[in-house]
Amino acid sequence: RARLRGPHGDEHVAAGYVLGADGGRSHTRSQLGITMQGRSHDD
């Protein structure tokens, strides 16, 4: 279940599964409690 905020306000939706394809600062990843490992480069 997800709470969405769109042009007409908030809405709750349900689905079987969720896919987070929302980029490097993924809010989905944060909501799923998943962390990343590795490093950033100085160049």
PDB file of all heavy atoms in Angstrom:
ATOM      1  N   ARG A   1       0.854  -1.176   0.000  1.00  0.00           N
ATOM      2  CA  ARG A   1       0.000   0.000   0.000  1.00  0.00           C
ATOM      3  C   ARG A   1       0.892   1.228   0.000  1.00  0.00           C
ATOM      4  O   ARG A   1       1.922   1.246   0.688  1.00  0.00           O
ATOM      5  CB  ARG A   1      -0.924   0.017   1.220  1.00  0.00           C
ATOM      6  CG  ARG A   1      -2.131  -0.898   1.065  1.00  0.00           C
ATOM      7  CD  ARG A   1      -2.744  -1.242   2.385  1.00  0.00           C
ATOM      8  NE  ARG A   1      -1.794  -1.954   3.244  1.00  0.00           N
ATOM      9  CZ  ARG A   1      -1.455  -3.231   3.088  1.00  0.00           C
ATOM     10  NH1 ARG A   1      -1.983  -3.935   2.102  1.00  0.00           N
ATOM     11  NH2 ARG A   1      -0.581  -3.800   3.891  1.00  0.00           N
ATOM     12  N   ALA A   2       0.486   2.229  -0.758  1.00  0.00           N
ATOM     13  CA  ALA A   2       1.285   3.446  -0.859  1.00  0.00           C
ATOM     14  C   ALA A   2       0.388   4.665  -0.751  1.00  0.00           C
ATOM     15  O   ALA A   2      -0.756   4.653  -1.219  1.00  0.00           O
ATOM     16  CB  ALA A   2       2.049   3.474  -2.177  1.00  0.00           C
ATOM     17  N   ARG A   3       0.932   5.703  -0.110  1.00  0.00           N
ATOM     18  CA  ARG A   3       0.254   7.003  -0.101  1.00  0.00           C
ATOM     19  C   ARG A   3       0.918   7.879  -1.149  1.00  0.00           C
ATOM     20  O   ARG A   3       2.127   8.112  -1.100  1.00  0.00           O
ATOM     21  CB  ARG A   3       0.326   7.654   1.277  1.00  0.00           C
ATOM     22  CG  ARG A   3      -0.408   9.013   1.332  1.00  0.00           C
ATOM     23  CD  ARG A   3      -0.678   9.442   2.759  1.00  0.00           C
ATOM     24  NE  ARG A   3       0.536   9.756   3.476  1.00  0.00           N
ATOM     25  CZ  ARG A   3       1.058  10.989   3.582  1.00  0.00           C
ATOM     26  NH1 ARG A   3       0.465  12.020   2.974  1.00  0.00           N
ATOM     27  NH2 ARG A   3       2.156  11.201   4.269  1.00  0.00           N
ATOM     28  N   LEU A   4       0.127   8.318  -2.091  1.00  0.00           N
ATOM     29  CA  LEU A   4       0.610   9.133  -3.190  1.00  0.00           C
ATOM     30  C   LEU A   4       0.113  10.566  -3.022  1.00  0.00           C
ATOM     31  O   LEU A   4      -0.971  10.800  -2.491  1.00  0.00           O
ATOM     32  CB  LEU A   4       0.121   8.588  -4.532  1.00  0.00           C
ATOM     33  CG  LEU A   4       0.374   7.109  -4.841  1.00  0.00           C
ATOM     34  CD1 LEU A   4      -0.203   6.758  -6.198  1.00  0.00           C
ATOM     35  CD2 LEU A   4       1.860   6.783  -4.775  1.00  0.00           C
ATOM     36  N   ARG A   5       0.899  11.507  -3.483  1.00  0.00           N
ATOM     37  CA  ARG A   5       0.458  12.904  -3.517  1.00  0.00           C
ATOM     38  C   ARG A   5       0.584  13.410  -4.951  1.00  0.00           C
ATOM     39  O   ARG A   5       1.670  13.502  -5.512  1.00  0.00           O
ATOM     40  CB  ARG A   5       1.284  13.769  -2.580  1.00  0.00           C
ATOM     41  CG  ARG A   5       0.930  15.261  -2.631  1.00  0.00           C
ATOM     42  CD  ARG A   5       1.498  15.990  -1.432  1.00  0.00           C
ATOM     43  NE  ARG A   5       0.882  15.504  -0.195  1.00  0.00           N
ATOM     44  CZ  ARG A   5       1.367  15.772   1.041  1.00  0.00           C
ATOM     45  NH1 ARG A   5       2.470  16.506   1.169  1.00  0.00           N
ATOM     46  NH2 ARG A   5       0.756  15.307   2.105  1.00  0.00           N
ATOM     47  N   GLY A   6      -0.562  13.714  -5.539  1.00  0.00           N
ATOM     48  CA  GLY A   6      -0.601  14.176  -6.908  1.00  0.00           C
ATOM     49  C   GLY A   6      -1.249  15.533  -7.030  1.00  0.00           C
ATOM     50  O   GLY A   6      -1.489  16.222  -6.029  1.00  0.00           O
ATOM     51  N   PRO A   7      -1.584  15.938  -8.239  1.00  0.00           N
ATOM     52  CA  PRO A   7      -2.175  17.265  -8.465  1.00  0.00           C
ATOM     53  C   PRO A   7      -3.486  17.483  -7.724  1.00  0.00           C
ATOM     54  O   PRO A   7      -3.857  18.624  -7.436  1.00  0.00           O
ATOM     55  CB  PRO A   7      -2.390  17.300  -9.986  1.00  0.00           C
ATOM     56  CG  PRO A   7      -1.427  16.294 -10.531  1.00  0.00           C
ATOM     57  CD  PRO A   7      -1.328  15.221  -9.497  1.00  0.00           C
ATOM     58  N   HIS A   8      -4.201  16.400  -7.394  1.00  0.00           N
ATOM     59  CA  HIS A   8      -5.505  16.531  -6.748  1.00  0.00           C
ATOM     60  C   HIS A   8      -5.478  16.097  -5.284  1.00  0.00           C
ATOM     61  O   HIS A   8      -6.523  15.776  -4.713  1.00  0.00           O
ATOM     62  CB  HIS A   8      -6.546  15.711  -7.520  1.00  0.00           C
ATOM     63  CG  HIS A   8      -6.624  16.073  -8.966  1.00  0.00           C
ATOM     64  ND1 HIS A   8      -7.057  17.311  -9.408  1.00  0.00           N
ATOM     65  CD2 HIS A   8      -6.288  15.372 -10.077  1.00  0.00           C
ATOM     66  CE1 HIS A   8      -6.999  17.350 -10.727  1.00  0.00           C
ATOM     67  NE2 HIS A   8      -6.533  16.194 -11.160  1.00  0.00           N
ATOM     68  N   GLY A   9      -4.281  16.077  -4.686  1.00  0.00           N
ATOM     69  CA  GLY A   9      -4.186  15.739  -3.272  1.00  0.00           C
ATOM     70  C   GLY A   9      -3.665  14.337  -3.041  1.00  0.00           C
ATOM     71  O   GLY A   9      -3.090  13.702  -3.937  1.00  0.00           O
ATOM     72  N   ASP A  10      -3.865  13.845  -1.817  1.00  0.00           N
ATOM     73  CA  ASP A  10      -3.354  12.539  -1.418  1.00  0.00           C
ATOM     74  C   ASP A  10      -4.315  11.426  -1.803  1.00  0.00           C
ATOM     75  O   ASP A  10      -5.534  11.609  -1.860  1.00  0.00           O
ATOM     76  CB  ASP A  10      -3.103  12.499   0.086  1.00  0.00           C
ATOM     77  CG  ASP A  10      -1.885  13.317   0.488  1.00  0.00           C
ATOM     78  OD1 ASP A  10      -1.342  14.027  -0.389  1.00  0.00           O
ATOM     79  OD2 ASP A  10      -1.482  13.260   1.662  1.00  0.00           O
ATOM     80  N   GLU A  11      -3.724  10.253  -2.044  1.00  0.00           N
ATOM     81  CA  GLU A  11      -4.505   9.080  -2.433  1.00  0.00           C
ATOM     82  C   GLU A  11      -3.780   7.842  -1.931  1.00  0.00           C
ATOM     83  O   GLU A  11      -2.552   7.766  -1.953  1.00  0.00           O
ATOM     84  CB  GLU A  11      -4.637   9.032  -3.956  1.00  0.00           C
ATOM     85  CG  GLU A  11      -5.328   7.791  -4.484  1.00  0.00           C
ATOM     86  CD  GLU A  11      -5.306   7.708  -5.998  1.00  0.00           C
ATOM     87  OE1 GLU A  11      -4.690   8.587  -6.628  1.00  0.00           O
ATOM     88  OE2 GLU A  11      -5.884   6.749  -6.546  1.00  0.00           O
ATOM     89  N   HIS A  12      -4.523   6.861  -1.478  1.00  0.00           N
ATOM     90  CA  HIS A  12      -3.958   5.577  -1.054  1.00  0.00           C
ATOM     91  C   HIS A  12      -4.246   4.536  -2.134  1.00  0.00           C
ATOM     92  O   HIS A  12      -5.380   4.422  -2.607  1.00  0.00           O
ATOM     93  CB  HIS A  12      -4.553   5.136   0.283  1.00  0.00           C
ATOM     94  CG  HIS A  12      -4.095   5.980   1.435  1.00  0.00           C
ATOM     95  ND1 HIS A  12      -4.702   7.174   1.752  1.00  0.00           N
ATOM     96  CD2 HIS A  12      -3.074   5.810   2.320  1.00  0.00           C
ATOM     97  CE1 HIS A  12      -4.095   7.712   2.804  1.00  0.00           C
ATOM     98  NE2 HIS A  12      -3.107   6.909   3.171  1.00  0.00           N
ATOM     99  N   VAL A  13      -3.224   3.831  -2.545  1.00  0.00           N
ATOM    100  CA  VAL A  13      -3.390   2.805  -3.568  1.00  0.00           C
ATOM    101  C   VAL A  13      -2.820   1.487  -3.053  1.00  0.00           C
ATOM    102  O   VAL A  13      -1.940   1.461  -2.184  1.00  0.00           O
ATOM    103  CB  VAL A  13      -2.684   3.185  -4.890  1.00  0.00           C
ATOM    104  CG1 VAL A  13      -3.257   4.477  -5.451  1.00  0.00           C
ATOM    105  CG2 VAL A  13      -1.183   3.305  -4.692  1.00  0.00           C
ATOM    106  N   ALA A  14      -3.342   0.401  -3.602  1.00  0.00           N
ATOM    107  CA  ALA A  14      -2.867  -0.935  -3.257  1.00  0.00           C
ATOM    108  C   ALA A  14      -2.432  -1.654  -4.526  1.00  0.00           C
ATOM    109  O   ALA A  14      -2.980  -1.425  -5.610  1.00  0.00           O
ATOM    110  CB  ALA A  14      -3.963  -1.730  -2.551  1.00  0.00           C
ATOM    111  N   ALA A  15      -1.436  -2.513  -4.398  1.00  0.00           N
ATOM    112  CA  ALA A  15      -0.949  -3.317  -5.524  1.00  0.00           C
ATOM    113  C   ALA A  15      -0.328  -4.586  -4.968  1.00  0.00           C
ATOM    114  O   ALA A  15      -0.124  -4.726  -3.747  1.00  0.00           O
ATOM    115  CB  ALA A  15       0.059  -2.530  -6.355  1.00  0.00           C
ATOM    116  N   GLY A  16      -0.028  -5.499  -5.866  1.00  0.00           N
ATOM    117  CA  GLY A  16       0.608  -6.737  -5.425  1.00  0.00           C
ATOM    118  C   GLY A  16       2.073  -6.544  -5.101  1.00  0.00           C
ATOM    119  O   GLY A  16       2.594  -7.109  -4.131  1.00  0.00           O
ATOM    120  N   TYR A  17       2.760  -5.699  -5.917  1.00  0.00           N
ATOM    121  CA  TYR A  17       4.199  -5.494  -5.757  1.00  0.00           C
ATOM    122  C   TYR A  17       4.531  -4.044  -6.103  1.00  0.00           C
ATOM    123  O   TYR A  17       3.783  -3.362  -6.808  1.00  0.00           O
ATOM    124  CB  TYR A  17       4.990  -6.438  -6.675  1.00  0.00           C
ATOM    125  CG  TYR A  17       4.775  -7.902  -6.350  1.00  0.00           C
ATOM    126  CD1 TYR A  17       3.755  -8.625  -6.968  1.00  0.00           C
ATOM    127  CD2 TYR A  17       5.574  -8.545  -5.408  1.00  0.00           C
ATOM    128  CE1 TYR A  17       3.552  -9.964  -6.655  1.00  0.00           C
ATOM    129  CE2 TYR A  17       5.374  -9.881  -5.094  1.00  0.00           C
ATOM    130  CZ  TYR A  17       4.355 -10.583  -5.719  1.00  0.00           C
ATOM    131  OH  TYR A  17       4.149 -11.901  -5.401  1.00  0.00           O
ATOM    132  N   VAL A  18       5.684  -3.590  -5.607  1.00  0.00           N
ATOM    133  CA  VAL A  18       6.168  -2.250  -5.930  1.00  0.00           C
ATOM    134  C   VAL A  18       7.590  -2.357  -6.472  1.00  0.00           C
ATOM    135  O   VAL A  18       8.412  -3.132  -5.963  1.00  0.00           O
ATOM    136  CB  VAL A  18       6.123  -1.318  -4.694  1.00  0.00           C
ATOM    137  CG1 VAL A  18       7.014  -1.830  -3.568  1.00  0.00           C
ATOM    138  CG2 VAL A  18       6.518   0.107  -5.084  1.00  0.00           C
ATOM    139  N   LEU A  19       7.873  -1.589  -7.533  1.00  0.00           N
ATOM    140  CA  LEU A  19       9.203  -1.517  -8.117  1.00  0.00           C
ATOM    141  C   LEU A  19       9.725  -0.100  -7.936  1.00  0.00           C
ATOM    142  O   LEU A  19       9.075   0.857  -8.376  1.00  0.00           O
ATOM    143  CB  LEU A  19       9.184  -1.868  -9.610  1.00  0.00           C
ATOM    144  CG  LEU A  19       8.471  -3.161 -10.037  1.00  0.00           C
ATOM    145  CD1 LEU A  19       8.699  -3.409 -11.522  1.00  0.00           C
ATOM    146  CD2 LEU A  19       8.923  -4.338  -9.215  1.00  0.00           C
ATOM    147  N   GLY A  20      10.877   0.036  -7.315  1.00  0.00           N
ATOM    148  CA  GLY A  20      11.502   1.338  -7.144  1.00  0.00           C
ATOM    149  C   GLY A  20      12.511   1.586  -8.251  1.00  0.00           C
ATOM    150  O   GLY A  20      13.595   0.995  -8.251  1.00  0.00           O
ATOM    151  N   ALA A  21      12.148   2.456  -9.189  1.00  0.00           N
ATOM    152  CA  ALA A  21      13.050   2.847 -10.274  1.00  0.00           C
ATOM    153  C   ALA A  21      13.226   4.355 -10.216  1.00  0.00           C
ATOM    154  O   ALA A  21      13.269   5.034 -11.247  1.00  0.00           O
ATOM    155  CB  ALA A  21      12.484   2.411 -11.619  1.00  0.00           C
ATOM    156  N   ASP A  22      13.339   4.871  -8.983  1.00  0.00           N
ATOM    157  CA  ASP A  22      13.320   6.309  -8.763  1.00  0.00           C
ATOM    158  C   ASP A  22      14.702   6.893  -8.481  1.00  0.00           C
ATOM    159  O   ASP A  22      14.842   7.853  -7.729  1.00  0.00           O
ATOM    160  CB  ASP A  22      12.340   6.676  -7.642  1.00  0.00           C
ATOM    161  CG  ASP A  22      12.449   5.784  -6.410  1.00  0.00           C
ATOM    162  OD1 ASP A  22      13.088   4.727  -6.488  1.00  0.00           O
ATOM    163  OD2 ASP A  22      11.884   6.150  -5.367  1.00  0.00           O
ATOM    164  N   GLY A  23      15.736   6.325  -9.103  1.00  0.00           N
ATOM    165  CA  GLY A  23      17.041   6.971  -9.147  1.00  0.00           C
ATOM    166  C   GLY A  23      17.918   6.785  -7.931  1.00  0.00           C
ATOM    167  O   GLY A  23      17.573   6.094  -6.969  1.00  0.00           O
ATOM    168  N   GLY A  24      19.085   7.439  -7.998  1.00  0.00           N
ATOM    169  CA  GLY A  24      20.106   7.259  -6.966  1.00  0.00           C
ATOM    170  C   GLY A  24      19.678   7.701  -5.587  1.00  0.00           C
ATOM    171  O   GLY A  24      20.156   7.171  -4.579  1.00  0.00           O
ATOM    172  N   ARG A  25      18.780   8.681  -5.491  1.00  0.00           N
ATOM    173  CA  ARG A  25      18.259   9.130  -4.193  1.00  0.00           C
ATOM    174  C   ARG A  25      16.912   8.493  -3.905  1.00  0.00           C
ATOM    175  O   ARG A  25      16.027   9.103  -3.303  1.00  0.00           O
ATOM    176  CB  ARG A  25      18.149  10.656  -4.177  1.00  0.00           C
ATOM    177  CG  ARG A  25      19.487  11.376  -4.287  1.00  0.00           C
ATOM    178  CD  ARG A  25      19.294  12.874  -4.134  1.00  0.00           C
ATOM    179  NE  ARG A  25      20.566  13.588  -4.127  1.00  0.00           N
ATOM    180  CZ  ARG A  25      21.159  14.081  -5.206  1.00  0.00           C
ATOM    181  NH1 ARG A  25      20.592  13.900  -6.391  1.00  0.00           N
ATOM    182  NH2 ARG A  25      22.299  14.721  -5.125  1.00  0.00           N
ATOM    183  N   SER A  26      16.756   7.246  -4.290  1.00  0.00           N
ATOM    184  CA  SER A  26      15.486   6.525  -4.254  1.00  0.00           C
ATOM    185  C   SER A  26      14.764   6.608  -2.906  1.00  0.00           C
ATOM    186  O   SER A  26      15.270   6.165  -1.875  1.00  0.00           O
ATOM    187  CB  SER A  26      15.733   5.055  -4.605  1.00  0.00           C
ATOM    188  OG  SER A  26      14.574   4.284  -4.394  1.00  0.00           O
ATOM    189  N   HIS A  27      13.559   7.174  -2.943  1.00  0.00           N
ATOM    190  CA  HIS A  27      12.708   7.176  -1.750  1.00  0.00           C
ATOM    191  C   HIS A  27      12.150   5.779  -1.509  1.00  0.00           C
ATOM    192  O   HIS A  27      11.941   5.379  -0.360  1.00  0.00           O
ATOM    193  CB  HIS A  27      11.573   8.191  -1.928  1.00  0.00           C
ATOM    194  CG  HIS A  27      10.692   8.323  -0.736  1.00  0.00           C
ATOM    195  ND1 HIS A  27      11.165   8.648   0.520  1.00  0.00           N
ATOM    196  CD2 HIS A  27       9.339   8.161  -0.587  1.00  0.00           C
ATOM    197  CE1 HIS A  27      10.169   8.700   1.384  1.00  0.00           C
ATOM    198  NE2 HIS A  27       9.050   8.394   0.741  1.00  0.00           N
ATOM    199  N   THR A  28      11.919   5.031  -2.583  1.00  0.00           N
ATOM    200  CA  THR A  28      11.451   3.647  -2.423  1.00  0.00           C
ATOM    201  C   THR A  28      12.480   2.829  -1.658  1.00  0.00           C
ATOM    202  O   THR A  28      12.120   2.053  -0.758  1.00  0.00           O
ATOM    203  CB  THR A  28      11.198   3.007  -3.799  1.00  0.00           C
ATOM    204  OG1 THR A  28      10.355   3.854  -4.578  1.00  0.00           O
ATOM    205  CG2 THR A  28      10.553   1.644  -3.648  1.00  0.00           C
ATOM    206  N   ARG A  29      13.752   2.984  -2.011  1.00  0.00           N
ATOM    207  CA  ARG A  29      14.813   2.257  -1.294  1.00  0.00           C
ATOM    208  C   ARG A  29      14.794   2.592   0.183  1.00  0.00           C
ATOM    209  O   ARG A  29      14.918   1.712   1.044  1.00  0.00           O
ATOM    210  CB  ARG A  29      16.172   2.599  -1.912  1.00  0.00           C
ATOM    211  CG  ARG A  29      17.324   1.777  -1.342  1.00  0.00           C
ATOM    212  CD  ARG A  29      18.637   2.120  -2.033  1.00  0.00           C
ATOM    213  NE  ARG A  29      19.047   3.489  -1.780  1.00  0.00           N
ATOM    214  CZ  ARG A  29      19.401   4.365  -2.733  1.00  0.00           C
ATOM    215  NH1 ARG A  29      19.380   3.998  -3.997  1.00  0.00           N
ATOM    216  NH2 ARG A  29      19.755   5.599  -2.416  1.00  0.00           N
ATOM    217  N   SER A  30      14.618   3.860   0.508  1.00  0.00           N
ATOM    218  CA  SER A  30      14.552   4.278   1.906  1.00  0.00           C
ATOM    219  C   SER A  30      13.348   3.670   2.604  1.00  0.00           C
ATOM    220  O   SER A  30      13.454   3.180   3.743  1.00  0.00           O
ATOM    221  CB  SER A  30      14.493   5.815   1.973  1.00  0.00           C
ATOM    222  OG  SER A  30      14.328   6.253   3.302  1.00  0.00           O
ATOM    223  N   GLN A  31      12.192   3.679   1.940  1.00  0.00           N
ATOM    224  CA  GLN A  31      10.980   3.116   2.540  1.00  0.00           C
ATOM    225  C   GLN A  31      11.098   1.610   2.740  1.00  0.00           C
ATOM    226  O   GLN A  31      10.514   1.058   3.681  1.00  0.00           O
ATOM    227  CB  GLN A  31       9.772   3.422   1.649  1.00  0.00           C
ATOM    228  CG  GLN A  31       9.352   4.883   1.649  1.00  0.00           C
ATOM    229  CD  GLN A  31       8.673   5.279   2.948  1.00  0.00           C
ATOM    230  OE1 GLN A  31       7.594   4.787   3.275  1.00  0.00           O
ATOM    231  NE2 GLN A  31       9.304   6.174   3.702  1.00  0.00           N
ATOM    232  N   LEU A  32      11.863   0.945   1.894  1.00  0.00           N
ATOM    233  CA  LEU A  32      12.072  -0.501   2.048  1.00  0.00           C
ATOM    234  C   LEU A  32      13.160  -0.827   3.066  1.00  0.00           C
ATOM    235  O   LEU A  32      13.396  -1.996   3.373  1.00  0.00           O
ATOM    236  CB  LEU A  32      12.429  -1.125   0.695  1.00  0.00           C
ATOM    237  CG  LEU A  32      11.327  -1.132  -0.372  1.00  0.00           C
ATOM    238  CD1 LEU A  32      11.869  -1.638  -1.712  1.00  0.00           C
ATOM    239  CD2 LEU A  32      10.142  -1.990   0.072  1.00  0.00           C
ATOM    240  N   GLY A  33      13.852   0.206   3.566  1.00  0.00           N
ATOM    241  CA  GLY A  33      14.893  -0.014   4.572  1.00  0.00           C
ATOM    242  C   GLY A  33      16.151  -0.646   4.015  1.00  0.00           C
ATOM    243  O   GLY A  33      16.858  -1.356   4.735  1.00  0.00           O
ATOM    244  N   ILE A  34      16.461  -0.396   2.750  1.00  0.00           N
ATOM    245  CA  ILE A  34      17.637  -0.986   2.101  1.00  0.00           C
ATOM    246  C   ILE A  34      18.733   0.068   2.027  1.00  0.00           C
ATOM    247  O   ILE A  34      18.476   1.228   1.689  1.00  0.00           O
ATOM    248  CB  ILE A  34      17.279  -1.500   0.693  1.00  0.00           C
ATOM    249  CG1 ILE A  34      16.227  -2.617   0.792  1.00  0.00           C
ATOM    250  CG2 ILE A  34      18.516  -2.002  -0.033  1.00  0.00           C
ATOM    251  CD1 ILE A  34      15.714  -3.086  -0.562  1.00  0.00           C
ATOM    252  N   THR A  35      19.950  -0.327   2.330  1.00  0.00           N
ATOM    253  CA  THR A  35      21.094   0.580   2.266  1.00  0.00           C
ATOM    254  C   THR A  35      21.984   0.231   1.070  1.00  0.00           C
ATOM    255  O   THR A  35      21.816  -0.808   0.432  1.00  0.00           O
ATOM    256  CB  THR A  35      21.919   0.510   3.557  1.00  0.00           C
ATOM    257  OG1 THR A  35      22.378  -0.845   3.751  1.00  0.00           O
ATOM    258  CG2 THR A  35      21.081   0.927   4.754  1.00  0.00           C
ATOM    259  N   MET A  36      22.945   1.116   0.783  1.00  0.00           N
ATOM    260  CA  MET A  36      23.883   0.890  -0.309  1.00  0.00           C
ATOM    261  C   MET A  36      25.289   0.793   0.248  1.00  0.00           C
ATOM    262  O   MET A  36      25.588   1.317   1.338  1.00  0.00           O
ATOM    263  CB  MET A  36      23.808   2.004  -1.343  1.00  0.00           C
ATOM    264  CG  MET A  36      22.443   2.169  -1.969  1.00  0.00           C
ATOM    265  SD  MET A  36      22.475   3.177  -3.483  1.00  0.00           S
ATOM    266  CE  MET A  36      22.874   1.923  -4.712  1.00  0.00           C
ATOM    267  N   GLN A  37      26.147   0.115  -0.486  1.00  0.00           N
ATOM    268  CA  GLN A  37      27.545   0.020  -0.093  1.00  0.00           C
ATOM    269  C   GLN A  37      28.433   0.310  -1.294  1.00  0.00           C
ATOM    270  O   GLN A  37      28.040   0.121  -2.435  1.00  0.00           O
ATOM    271  CB  GLN A  37      27.857  -1.364   0.477  1.00  0.00           C
ATOM    272  CG  GLN A  37      27.628  -2.518  -0.475  1.00  0.00           C
ATOM    273  CD  GLN A  37      27.825  -3.866   0.200  1.00  0.00           C
ATOM    274  OE1 GLN A  37      27.695  -4.007   1.406  1.00  0.00           O
ATOM    275  NE2 GLN A  37      28.137  -4.873  -0.609  1.00  0.00           N
ATOM    276  N   GLY A  38      29.627   0.796  -1.024  1.00  0.00           N
ATOM    277  CA  GLY A  38      30.547   1.200  -2.073  1.00  0.00           C
ATOM    278  C   GLY A  38      31.141   2.549  -1.729  1.00  0.00           C
ATOM    279  O   GLY A  38      31.212   2.935  -0.562  1.00  0.00           O
ATOM    280  N   ARG A  39      31.538   3.295  -2.747  1.00  0.00           N
ATOM    281  CA  ARG A  39      32.157   4.581  -2.470  1.00  0.00           C
ATOM    282  C   ARG A  39      31.950   5.544  -3.631  1.00  0.00           C
ATOM    283  O   ARG A  39      31.643   5.145  -4.753  1.00  0.00           O
ATOM    284  CB  ARG A  39      33.659   4.418  -2.219  1.00  0.00           C
ATOM    285  CG  ARG A  39      34.488   4.054  -3.448  1.00  0.00           C
ATOM    286  CD  ARG A  39      35.923   3.776  -3.061  1.00  0.00           C
ATOM    287  NE  ARG A  39      36.790   3.584  -4.226  1.00  0.00           N
ATOM    288  CZ  ARG A  39      37.486   4.553  -4.806  1.00  0.00           C
ATOM    289  NH1 ARG A  39      37.400   5.793  -4.338  1.00  0.00           N
ATOM    290  NH2 ARG A  39      38.269   4.309  -5.845  1.00  0.00           N
ATOM    291  N   SER A  40      32.120   6.829  -3.317  1.00  0.00           N
ATOM    292  CA  SER A  40      32.131   7.861  -4.342  1.00  0.00           C
ATOM    293  C   SER A  40      33.577   8.181  -4.689  1.00  0.00           C
ATOM    294  O   SER A  40      34.478   7.977  -3.872  1.00  0.00           O
ATOM    295  CB  SER A  40      31.405   9.112  -3.847  1.00  0.00           C
ATOM    296  OG  SER A  40      30.045   8.823  -3.575  1.00  0.00           O
ATOM    297  N   HIS A  41      33.799   8.694  -5.886  1.00  0.00           N
ATOM    298  CA  HIS A  41      35.151   8.956  -6.363  1.00  0.00           C
ATOM    299  C   HIS A  41      35.450  10.449  -6.321  1.00  0.00           C
ATOM    300  O   HIS A  41      34.581  11.285  -6.579  1.00  0.00           O
ATOM    301  CB  HIS A  41      35.318   8.404  -7.778  1.00  0.00           C
ATOM    302  CG  HIS A  41      35.185   6.907  -7.831  1.00  0.00           C
ATOM    303  ND1 HIS A  41      36.267   6.067  -7.776  1.00  0.00           N
ATOM    304  CD2 HIS A  41      34.095   6.106  -7.890  1.00  0.00           C
ATOM    305  CE1 HIS A  41      35.847   4.807  -7.820  1.00  0.00           C
ATOM    306  NE2 HIS A  41      34.537   4.809  -7.891  1.00  0.00           N
ATOM    307  N   ASP A  42      36.691  10.767  -6.005  1.00  0.00           N
ATOM    308  CA  ASP A  42      37.076  12.170  -5.832  1.00  0.00           C
ATOM    309  C   ASP A  42      37.201  12.921  -7.151  1.00  0.00           C
ATOM    310  O   ASP A  42      37.070  14.148  -7.188  1.00  0.00           O
ATOM    311  CB  ASP A  42      38.412  12.259  -5.065  1.00  0.00           C
ATOM    312  CG  ASP A  42      38.291  11.767  -3.634  1.00  0.00           C
ATOM    313  OD1 ASP A  42      37.175  11.854  -3.084  1.00  0.00           O
ATOM    314  OD2 ASP A  42      39.300  11.294  -3.072  1.00  0.00           O
ATOM    315  N   ASP A  43      37.501  12.219  -8.242  1.00  0.00           N
ATOM    316  CA  ASP A  43      37.696  12.890  -9.525  1.00  0.00           C
ATOM    317  C   ASP A  43      36.439  13.657  -9.931  1.00  0.00           C
ATOM    318  O   ASP A  43      35.322  13.167  -9.781  1.00  0.00           O
ATOM    319  CB  ASP A  43      38.015  11.869 -10.619  1.00  0.00           C
ATOM    320  CG  ASP A  43      39.207  10.993 -10.264  1.00  0.00           C
ATOM    321  OD1 ASP A  43      39.980  11.399  -9.397  1.00  0.00           O
ATOM    322  OD2 ASP A  43      39.333   9.912 -10.866  1.00  0.00           O
TER     323      ASP A  43
END
